[in-house]
C-alpha atoms as a PDB file:
ATOM      1  CA  UNK A   1     -35.500 -51.500   3.301  1.00  0.00           C
ATOM      2  CA  UNK A   2     -34.551 -54.813   1.686  1.00  0.00           C
ATOM      3  CA  UNK A   3     -32.777 -55.986   4.856  1.00  0.00           C
ATOM      4  CA  UNK A   4     -35.668 -55.100   7.112  1.00  0.00           C
ATOM      5  CA  UNK A   5     -37.195 -58.124   8.853  1.00  0.00           C
ATOM      6  CA  UNK A   6     -40.962 -57.814   8.737  1.00  0.00           C
ATOM      7  CA  UNK A   7     -42.711 -59.362  11.754  1.00  0.00           C
ATOM      8  CA  UNK A   8     -46.409 -58.687  11.507  1.00  0.00           C
ATOM      9  CA  UNK A   9     -47.113 -61.333  14.130  1.00  0.00           C
ATOM     10  CA  UNK A  10     -45.848 -58.936  16.784  1.00  0.00           C
ATOM     11  CA  UNK A  11     -49.112 -57.017  16.488  1.00  0.00           C
ATOM     12  CA  UNK A  12     -51.219 -59.963  17.658  1.00  0.00           C
ATOM     13  CA  UNK A  13     -49.006 -61.126  20.500  1.00  0.00           C
ATOM     14  CA  UNK A  14     -49.151 -59.991  24.098  1.00  0.00           C
ATOM     15  CA  UNK A  15     -48.542 -57.506  25.558  1.00  0.00           C
ATOM     16  CA  UNK A  16     -48.374 -55.557  22.285  1.00  0.00           C
ATOM     17  CA  UNK A  17     -51.917 -56.338  21.168  1.00  0.00           C
ATOM     18  CA  UNK A  18     -53.165 -55.261  24.569  1.00  0.00           C
ATOM     19  CA  UNK A  19     -51.279 -51.981  24.258  1.00  0.00           C
ATOM     20  CA  UNK A  20     -52.899 -51.280  20.902  1.00  0.00           C
ATOM     21  CA  UNK A  21     -56.380 -52.032  22.240  1.00  0.00           C
ATOM     22  CA  UNK A  22     -55.775 -49.857  25.294  1.00  0.00           C
ATOM     23  CA  UNK A  23     -54.593 -47.072  22.999  1.00  0.00           C
ATOM     24  CA  UNK A  24     -57.717 -47.445  20.884  1.00  0.00           C
ATOM     25  CA  UNK A  25     -59.923 -47.248  23.967  1.00  0.00           C
ATOM     26  CA  UNK A  26     -58.078 -44.153  25.234  1.00  0.00           C
ATOM     27  CA  UNK A  27     -58.415 -42.441  21.848  1.00  0.00           C
ATOM     28  CA  UNK A  28     -62.147 -43.101  21.659  1.00  0.00           C
ATOM     29  CA  UNK A  29     -62.676 -41.985  25.263  1.00  0.00           C
ATOM     30  CA  UNK A  30     -60.800 -38.722  24.701  1.00  0.00           C
ATOM     31  CA  UNK A  31     -62.545 -38.022  21.397  1.00  0.00           C
ATOM     32  CA  UNK A  32     -66.066 -38.700  22.664  1.00  0.00           C
ATOM     33  CA  UNK A  33     -65.667 -36.766  25.915  1.00  0.00           C
ATOM     34  CA  UNK A  34     -64.032 -33.820  24.148  1.00  0.00           C
ATOM     35  CA  UNK A  35     -66.731 -33.834  21.458  1.00  0.00           C
ATOM     36  CA  UNK A  36     -69.528 -33.624  24.044  1.00  0.00           C
ATOM     37  CA  UNK A  37     -67.869 -30.531  25.525  1.00  0.00           C
ATOM     38  CA  UNK A  38     -67.160 -29.063  22.089  1.00  0.00           C
ATOM     39  CA  UNK A  39     -70.704 -29.517  20.803  1.00  0.00           C
ATOM     40  CA  UNK A  40     -72.366 -28.110  23.918  1.00  0.00           C
ATOM     41  CA  UNK A  41     -69.993 -25.186  24.412  1.00  0.00           C
ATOM     42  CA  UNK A  42     -69.627 -24.541  20.689  1.00  0.00           C
ATOM     43  CA  UNK A  43     -73.392 -24.293  20.313  1.00  0.00           C
ATOM     44  CA  UNK A  44     -73.540 -21.648  23.041  1.00  0.00           C
ATOM     45  CA  UNK A  45     -70.691 -19.725  21.419  1.00  0.00           C
ATOM     46  CA  UNK A  46     -72.286 -19.926  17.992  1.00  0.00           C
ATOM     47  CA  UNK A  47     -75.591 -18.618  19.330  1.00  0.00           C
ATOM     48  CA  UNK A  48     -73.817 -15.888  21.317  1.00  0.00           C
ATOM     49  CA  UNK A  49     -72.076 -14.644  18.163  1.00  0.00           C
ATOM     50  CA  UNK A  50     -75.439 -14.039  16.494  1.00  0.00           C
ATOM     51  CA  UNK A  51     -77.261 -12.365  19.392  1.00  0.00           C
ATOM     52  CA  UNK A  52     -78.191  -8.672  19.075  1.00  0.00           C
ATOM     53  CA  UNK A  53     -76.155  -7.735  22.181  1.00  0.00           C
ATOM     54  CA  UNK A  54     -72.682  -6.418  21.364  1.00  0.00           C
ATOM     55  CA  UNK A  55     -70.939  -7.306  24.696  1.00  0.00           C
ATOM     56  CA  UNK A  56     -72.059 -10.936  24.378  1.00  0.00           C
ATOM     57  CA  UNK A  57     -70.854 -11.095  20.772  1.00  0.00           C
ATOM     58  CA  UNK A  58     -67.530  -9.556  21.812  1.00  0.00           C
ATOM     59  CA  UNK A  59     -66.899 -12.169  24.516  1.00  0.00           C
ATOM     60  CA  UNK A  60     -67.822 -15.034  22.177  1.00  0.00           C
ATOM     61  CA  UNK A  61     -65.622 -13.648  19.398  1.00  0.00           C
ATOM     62  CA  UNK A  62     -62.699 -13.206  21.804  1.00  0.00           C
ATOM     63  CA  UNK A  63     -63.055 -16.845  22.877  1.00  0.00           C
ATOM     64  CA  UNK A  64     -63.030 -18.055  19.275  1.00  0.00           C
ATOM     65  CA  UNK A  65     -60.022 -15.973  18.278  1.00  0.00           C
ATOM     66  CA  UNK A  66     -58.050 -16.961  21.375  1.00  0.00           C
ATOM     67  CA  UNK A  67     -58.540 -20.701  21.140  1.00  0.00           C
ATOM     68  CA  UNK A  68     -58.306 -20.940  17.355  1.00  0.00           C
ATOM     69  CA  UNK A  69     -55.060 -18.971  17.084  1.00  0.00           C
ATOM     70  CA  UNK A  70     -53.022 -20.571  19.874  1.00  0.00           C
ATOM     71  CA  UNK A  71     -51.368 -23.858  18.752  1.00  0.00           C
ATOM     72  CA  UNK A  72     -53.106 -26.888  20.196  1.00  0.00           C
ATOM     73  CA  UNK A  73     -49.855 -28.305  21.584  1.00  0.00           C
ATOM     74  CA  UNK A  74     -49.250 -25.090  23.523  1.00  0.00           C
ATOM     75  CA  UNK A  75     -52.776 -25.249  24.902  1.00  0.00           C
ATOM     76  CA  UNK A  76     -52.205 -28.838  26.006  1.00  0.00           C
ATOM     77  CA  UNK A  77     -49.089 -27.826  27.939  1.00  0.00           C
ATOM     78  CA  UNK A  78     -50.893 -24.853  29.481  1.00  0.00           C
ATOM     79  CA  UNK A  79     -53.727 -27.047  30.735  1.00  0.00           C
ATOM     80  CA  UNK A  80     -51.462 -29.746  32.159  1.00  0.00           C
ATOM     81  CA  UNK A  81     -48.367 -27.903  33.393  1.00  0.00           C
ATOM     82  CA  UNK A  82     -49.366 -24.255  33.891  1.00  0.00           C
ATOM     83  CA  UNK A  83     -52.982 -24.264  35.093  1.00  0.00           C
ATOM     84  CA  UNK A  84     -52.274 -26.151  38.380  1.00  0.00           C
ATOM     85  CA  UNK A  85     -49.592 -23.564  39.206  1.00  0.00           C
ATOM     86  CA  UNK A  86     -51.639 -20.413  38.622  1.00  0.00           C
ATOM     87  CA  UNK A  87     -54.877 -21.381  40.383  1.00  0.00           C
ATOM     88  CA  UNK A  88     -55.168 -21.194  44.188  1.00  0.00           C
ATOM     89  CA  UNK A  89     -52.926 -23.673  46.001  1.00  0.00           C
ATOM     90  CA  UNK A  90     -55.740 -25.964  47.126  1.00  0.00           C
ATOM     91  CA  UNK A  91     -57.172 -26.161  43.615  1.00  0.00           C
ATOM     92  CA  UNK A  92     -53.731 -26.760  42.134  1.00  0.00           C
ATOM     93  CA  UNK A  93     -53.028 -29.567  44.579  1.00  0.00           C
ATOM     94  CA  UNK A  94     -56.373 -31.141  43.684  1.00  0.00           C
ATOM     95  CA  UNK A  95     -55.620 -30.909  39.972  1.00  0.00           C
ATOM     96  CA  UNK A  96     -52.141 -32.420  40.311  1.00  0.00           C
ATOM     97  CA  UNK A  97     -52.536 -35.023  43.035  1.00  0.00           C
ATOM     98  CA  UNK A  98     -56.108 -35.665  44.131  1.00  0.00           C
ATOM     99  CA  UNK A  99     -57.918 -35.673  40.805  1.00  0.00           C
ATOM    100  CA  UNK A 100     -57.958 -39.201  39.327  1.00  0.00           C
ATOM    101  CA  UNK A 101     -56.041 -39.331  36.035  1.00  0.00           C
ATOM    102  CA  UNK A 102     -55.271 -35.597  35.807  1.00  0.00           C
ATOM    103  CA  UNK A 103     -53.726 -36.042  32.363  1.00  0.00           C
ATOM    104  CA  UNK A 104     -57.085 -37.208  31.006  1.00  0.00           C
ATOM    105  CA  UNK A 105     -58.843 -34.214  32.532  1.00  0.00           C
ATOM    106  CA  UNK A 106     -56.316 -31.850  30.956  1.00  0.00           C
ATOM    107  CA  UNK A 107     -56.521 -33.523  27.538  1.00  0.00           C
ATOM    108  CA  UNK A 108     -60.328 -33.625  27.465  1.00  0.00           C
ATOM    109  CA  UNK A 109     -60.650 -30.017  28.598  1.00  0.00           C
ATOM    110  CA  UNK A 110     -58.029 -28.852  26.098  1.00  0.00           C
ATOM    111  CA  UNK A 111     -59.465 -30.728  23.118  1.00  0.00           C
ATOM    112  CA  UNK A 112     -63.032 -29.867  24.060  1.00  0.00           C
ATOM    113  CA  UNK A 113     -62.505 -26.144  24.475  1.00  0.00           C
ATOM    114  CA  UNK A 114     -60.283 -25.865  21.404  1.00  0.00           C
ATOM    115  CA  UNK A 115     -62.796 -27.702  19.233  1.00  0.00           C
ATOM    116  CA  UNK A 116     -65.640 -25.646  20.725  1.00  0.00           C
ATOM    117  CA  UNK A 117     -64.138 -22.563  19.092  1.00  0.00           C
ATOM    118  CA  UNK A 118     -64.343 -24.287  15.721  1.00  0.00           C
ATOM    119  CA  UNK A 119     -67.808 -25.736  16.302  1.00  0.00           C
ATOM    120  CA  UNK A 120     -68.983 -22.292  17.371  1.00  0.00           C
ATOM    121  CA  UNK A 121     -68.021 -20.921  13.980  1.00  0.00           C
ATOM    122  CA  UNK A 122     -69.896 -23.739  12.255  1.00  0.00           C
ATOM    123  CA  UNK A 123     -73.019 -23.109  14.341  1.00  0.00           C
ATOM    124  CA  UNK A 124     -72.789 -19.373  13.668  1.00  0.00           C
ATOM    125  CA  UNK A 125     -72.537 -20.019   9.939  1.00  0.00           C
ATOM    126  CA  UNK A 126     -75.498 -22.385  10.103  1.00  0.00           C
ATOM    127  CA  UNK A 127     -77.638 -19.829  11.931  1.00  0.00           C
ATOM    128  CA  UNK A 128     -76.677 -17.122   9.447  1.00  0.00           C
ATOM    129  CA  UNK A 129     -77.722 -19.462   6.625  1.00  0.00           C
ATOM    130  CA  UNK A 130     -81.292 -19.556   7.913  1.00  0.00           C
ATOM    131  CA  UNK A 131     -83.379 -16.953   6.052  1.00  0.00           C
ATOM    132  CA  UNK A 132     -83.981 -13.925   8.306  1.00  0.00           C
ATOM    133  CA  UNK A 133     -87.656 -14.116   7.461  1.00  0.00           C
ATOM    134  CA  UNK A 134     -88.035 -17.296   9.506  1.00  0.00           C
ATOM    135  CA  UNK A 135     -86.760 -15.566  12.632  1.00  0.00           C
ATOM    136  CA  UNK A 136     -89.148 -12.681  11.974  1.00  0.00           C
ATOM    137  CA  UNK A 137     -92.032 -15.095  11.574  1.00  0.00           C
ATOM    138  CA  UNK A 138     -91.095 -16.783  14.853  1.00  0.00           C
ATOM    139  CA  UNK A 139     -91.124 -13.447  16.681  1.00  0.00           C
ATOM    140  CA  UNK A 140     -94.421 -12.478  15.023  1.00  0.00           C
ATOM    141  CA  UNK A 141     -95.909 -15.782  16.188  1.00  0.00           C
ATOM    142  CA  UNK A 142     -95.267 -14.816  19.799  1.00  0.00           C
ATOM    143  CA  UNK A 143     -92.029 -16.720  20.378  1.00  0.00           C
ATOM    144  CA  UNK A 144     -89.310 -15.048  22.426  1.00  0.00           C
ATOM    145  CA  UNK A 145     -85.804 -14.578  21.072  1.00  0.00           C
ATOM    146  CA  UNK A 146     -84.503 -17.760  22.672  1.00  0.00           C
ATOM    147  CA  UNK A 147     -87.605 -19.746  21.738  1.00  0.00           C
ATOM    148  CA  UNK A 148     -87.022 -18.678  18.148  1.00  0.00           C
ATOM    149  CA  UNK A 149     -83.481 -20.065  18.357  1.00  0.00           C
ATOM    150  CA  UNK A 150     -84.647 -23.279  20.001  1.00  0.00           C
ATOM    151  CA  UNK A 151     -87.624 -24.114  17.805  1.00  0.00           C
ATOM    152  CA  UNK A 152     -86.797 -22.484  14.472  1.00  0.00           C
ATOM    153  CA  UNK A 153     -83.215 -21.403  13.805  1.00  0.00           C
ATOM    154  CA  UNK A 154     -81.115 -24.034  15.570  1.00  0.00           C
ATOM    155  CA  UNK A 155     -83.004 -27.104  14.253  1.00  0.00           C
ATOM    156  CA  UNK A 156     -82.459 -25.869  10.703  1.00  0.00           C
ATOM    157  CA  UNK A 157     -78.882 -24.734  11.353  1.00  0.00           C
ATOM    158  CA  UNK A 158     -77.817 -28.103  12.750  1.00  0.00           C
ATOM    159  CA  UNK A 159     -79.219 -29.906   9.726  1.00  0.00           C
ATOM    160  CA  UNK A 160     -77.265 -27.606   7.435  1.00  0.00           C
ATOM    161  CA  UNK A 161     -73.917 -28.096   9.186  1.00  0.00           C
ATOM    162  CA  UNK A 162     -73.964 -31.876   9.648  1.00  0.00           C
ATOM    163  CA  UNK A 163     -71.180 -32.385   7.015  1.00  0.00           C
ATOM    164  CA  UNK A 164     -68.894 -29.790   8.620  1.00  0.00           C
ATOM    165  CA  UNK A 165     -69.519 -31.181  12.095  1.00  0.00           C
ATOM    166  CA  UNK A 166     -68.413 -34.559  10.743  1.00  0.00           C
ATOM    167  CA  UNK A 167     -65.095 -33.050   9.716  1.00  0.00           C
ATOM    168  CA  UNK A 168     -64.689 -31.450  13.137  1.00  0.00           C
ATOM    169  CA  UNK A 169     -65.320 -34.756  14.910  1.00  0.00           C
ATOM    170  CA  UNK A 170     -62.735 -36.469  12.729  1.00  0.00           C
ATOM    171  CA  UNK A 171     -60.372 -33.653  13.642  1.00  0.00           C
ATOM    172  CA  UNK A 172     -60.921 -34.362  17.334  1.00  0.00           C
ATOM    173  CA  UNK A 173     -60.027 -38.027  16.803  1.00  0.00           C
ATOM    174  CA  UNK A 174     -56.786 -37.100  15.052  1.00  0.00           C
ATOM    175  CA  UNK A 175     -55.918 -34.392  17.577  1.00  0.00           C
ATOM    176  CA  UNK A 176     -56.005 -36.926  20.417  1.00  0.00           C
ATOM    177  CA  UNK A 177     -52.518 -37.952  19.279  1.00  0.00           C
ATOM    178  CA  UNK A 178     -51.199 -34.747  20.889  1.00  0.00           C
ATOM    179  CA  UNK A 179     -52.196 -36.174  24.272  1.00  0.00           C
ATOM    180  CA  UNK A 180     -49.133 -38.432  24.150  1.00  0.00           C
ATOM    181  CA  UNK A 181     -47.069 -35.368  25.105  1.00  0.00           C
ATOM    182  CA  UNK A 182     -48.590 -35.390  28.599  1.00  0.00           C
ATOM    183  CA  UNK A 183     -48.367 -39.138  29.111  1.00  0.00           C
ATOM    184  CA  UNK A 184     -51.629 -40.568  27.768  1.00  0.00           C
ATOM    185  CA  UNK A 185     -51.192 -43.912  26.031  1.00  0.00           C
ATOM    186  CA  UNK A 186     -53.497 -43.379  23.080  1.00  0.00           C
ATOM    187  CA  UNK A 187     -53.002 -45.015  19.670  1.00  0.00           C
ATOM    188  CA  UNK A 188     -49.896 -43.107  18.614  1.00  0.00           C
ATOM    189  CA  UNK A 189     -48.214 -43.431  22.008  1.00  0.00           C
ATOM    190  CA  UNK A 190     -48.985 -47.150  22.115  1.00  0.00           C
ATOM    191  CA  UNK A 191     -47.424 -47.588  18.677  1.00  0.00           C
ATOM    192  CA  UNK A 192     -44.307 -45.733  19.772  1.00  0.00           C
ATOM    193  CA  UNK A 193     -44.092 -47.946  22.839  1.00  0.00           C
ATOM    194  CA  UNK A 194     -44.313 -51.073  20.691  1.00  0.00           C
ATOM    195  CA  UNK A 195     -41.607 -49.710  18.380  1.00  0.00           C
ATOM    196  CA  UNK A 196     -39.279 -48.974  21.285  1.00  0.00           C
ATOM    197  CA  UNK A 197     -39.734 -52.485  22.717  1.00  0.00           C
ATOM    198  CA  UNK A 198     -39.591 -54.507  19.503  1.00  0.00           C
ATOM    199  CA  UNK A 199     -37.823 -52.215  16.981  1.00  0.00           C
ATOM    200  CA  UNK A 200     -40.640 -53.082  14.543  1.00  0.00           C
ATOM    201  CA  UNK A 201     -41.544 -49.503  13.791  1.00  0.00           C
ATOM    202  CA  UNK A 202     -43.131 -50.101  10.398  1.00  0.00           C
ATOM    203  CA  UNK A 203     -45.561 -52.652  11.766  1.00  0.00           C
ATOM    204  CA  UNK A 204     -46.402 -50.574  14.845  1.00  0.00           C
ATOM    205  CA  UNK A 205     -47.192 -47.409  12.929  1.00  0.00           C
ATOM    206  CA  UNK A 206     -48.961 -49.345  10.189  1.00  0.00           C
ATOM    207  CA  UNK A 207     -51.283 -50.621  12.912  1.00  0.00           C
ATOM    208  CA  UNK A 208     -51.821 -47.058  14.157  1.00  0.00           C
ATOM    209  CA  UNK A 209     -52.583 -45.896  10.628  1.00  0.00           C
ATOM    210  CA  UNK A 210     -55.058 -48.730  10.153  1.00  0.00           C
ATOM    211  CA  UNK A 211     -56.821 -47.879  13.402  1.00  0.00           C
ATOM    212  CA  UNK A 212     -57.210 -44.209  12.501  1.00  0.00           C
ATOM    213  CA  UNK A 213     -58.480 -45.155   9.047  1.00  0.00           C
ATOM    214  CA  UNK A 214     -60.957 -47.644  10.516  1.00  0.00           C
ATOM    215  CA  UNK A 215     -62.306 -45.040  12.944  1.00  0.00           C
ATOM    216  CA  UNK A 216     -62.640 -42.500  10.135  1.00  0.00           C
ATOM    217  CA  UNK A 217     -64.439 -44.931   7.827  1.00  0.00           C
ATOM    218  CA  UNK A 218     -66.925 -45.934  10.519  1.00  0.00           C
ATOM    219  CA  UNK A 219     -67.582 -42.296  11.427  1.00  0.00           C
ATOM    220  CA  UNK A 220     -68.038 -41.324   7.793  1.00  0.00           C
ATOM    221  CA  UNK A 221     -70.489 -44.175   7.264  1.00  0.00           C
ATOM    222  CA  UNK A 222     -72.537 -43.224  10.334  1.00  0.00           C
ATOM    223  CA  UNK A 223     -72.531 -39.510   9.575  1.00  0.00           C
ATOM    224  CA  UNK A 224     -73.480 -40.092   5.929  1.00  0.00           C
ATOM    225  CA  UNK A 225     -76.558 -41.907   7.189  1.00  0.00           C
ATOM    226  CA  UNK A 226     -77.336 -39.048   9.563  1.00  0.00           C
ATOM    227  CA  UNK A 227     -76.789 -36.503   6.796  1.00  0.00           C
ATOM    228  CA  UNK A 228     -79.093 -38.323   4.393  1.00  0.00           C
ATOM    229  CA  UNK A 229     -81.869 -38.441   7.018  1.00  0.00           C
ATOM    230  CA  UNK A 230     -81.509 -34.799   8.102  1.00  0.00           C
ATOM    231  CA  UNK A 231     -80.865 -33.168   4.718  1.00  0.00           C
ATOM    232  CA  UNK A 232     -83.314 -30.397   3.841  1.00  0.00           C
ATOM    233  CA  UNK A 233     -84.487 -30.988   0.248  1.00  0.00           C
ATOM    234  CA  UNK A 234     -83.390 -28.237  -2.094  1.00  0.00           C
ATOM    235  CA  UNK A 235     -81.379 -26.379   0.534  1.00  0.00           C
ATOM    236  CA  UNK A 236     -77.923 -27.014  -0.989  1.00  0.00           C
ATOM    237  CA  UNK A 237     -78.993 -25.679  -4.370  1.00  0.00           C
ATOM    238  CA  UNK A 238     -80.500 -22.593  -2.729  1.00  0.00           C
ATOM    239  CA  UNK A 239     -77.308 -21.933  -0.770  1.00  0.00           C
ATOM    240  CA  UNK A 240     -75.166 -22.371  -3.867  1.00  0.00           C
ATOM    241  CA  UNK A 241     -77.313 -19.943  -5.797  1.00  0.00           C
END
């Protein structure tokens, strides 16, 4: 370590600075797109797991168990390498050759559907935390089952699970690093590229670490503000009791 020649200036020279910025942009794009899918699909799964219809609950539970228990790296390979080979030939050719940036499609779909299984569990827990009496009151007021979810149970459930959704979003940001295995130049891949060109591995990965930390700090600051504005007074104490 004493003989190592530190060259921090390499991080602000071209093309290495450009690589880092491109990696940052790719990471944010993947995380945001995957999170939109995860939140929408996870909400449907969470609701489905609390419906009174057993077949619907079974399908939602099977989805959660499948995606949560298969390693994310394996899922990434399945989406990118296997899916185009098992679908009809025309669809496979479109996925591999005609679709712009197929690696981004595979990464977003993989991260989104994997995270949806985790978000679904959070939404289910949030719905189950709502007192059953509120759902009964909604039905007695003339609301249908789905109107009760929309206007009563889900608004409360989302406010309860804001802290856990924050953790899931941070997990999506960190999981984007797996996309380097299918050729996406996100933050980690960009740092590896800089290290291979300059042999300044400490500086390159220090920059990657700083970027991940900066993203996490900004997200935590924003979500703390959201949590403080959406918190239900007295709810945490009631849940703890």
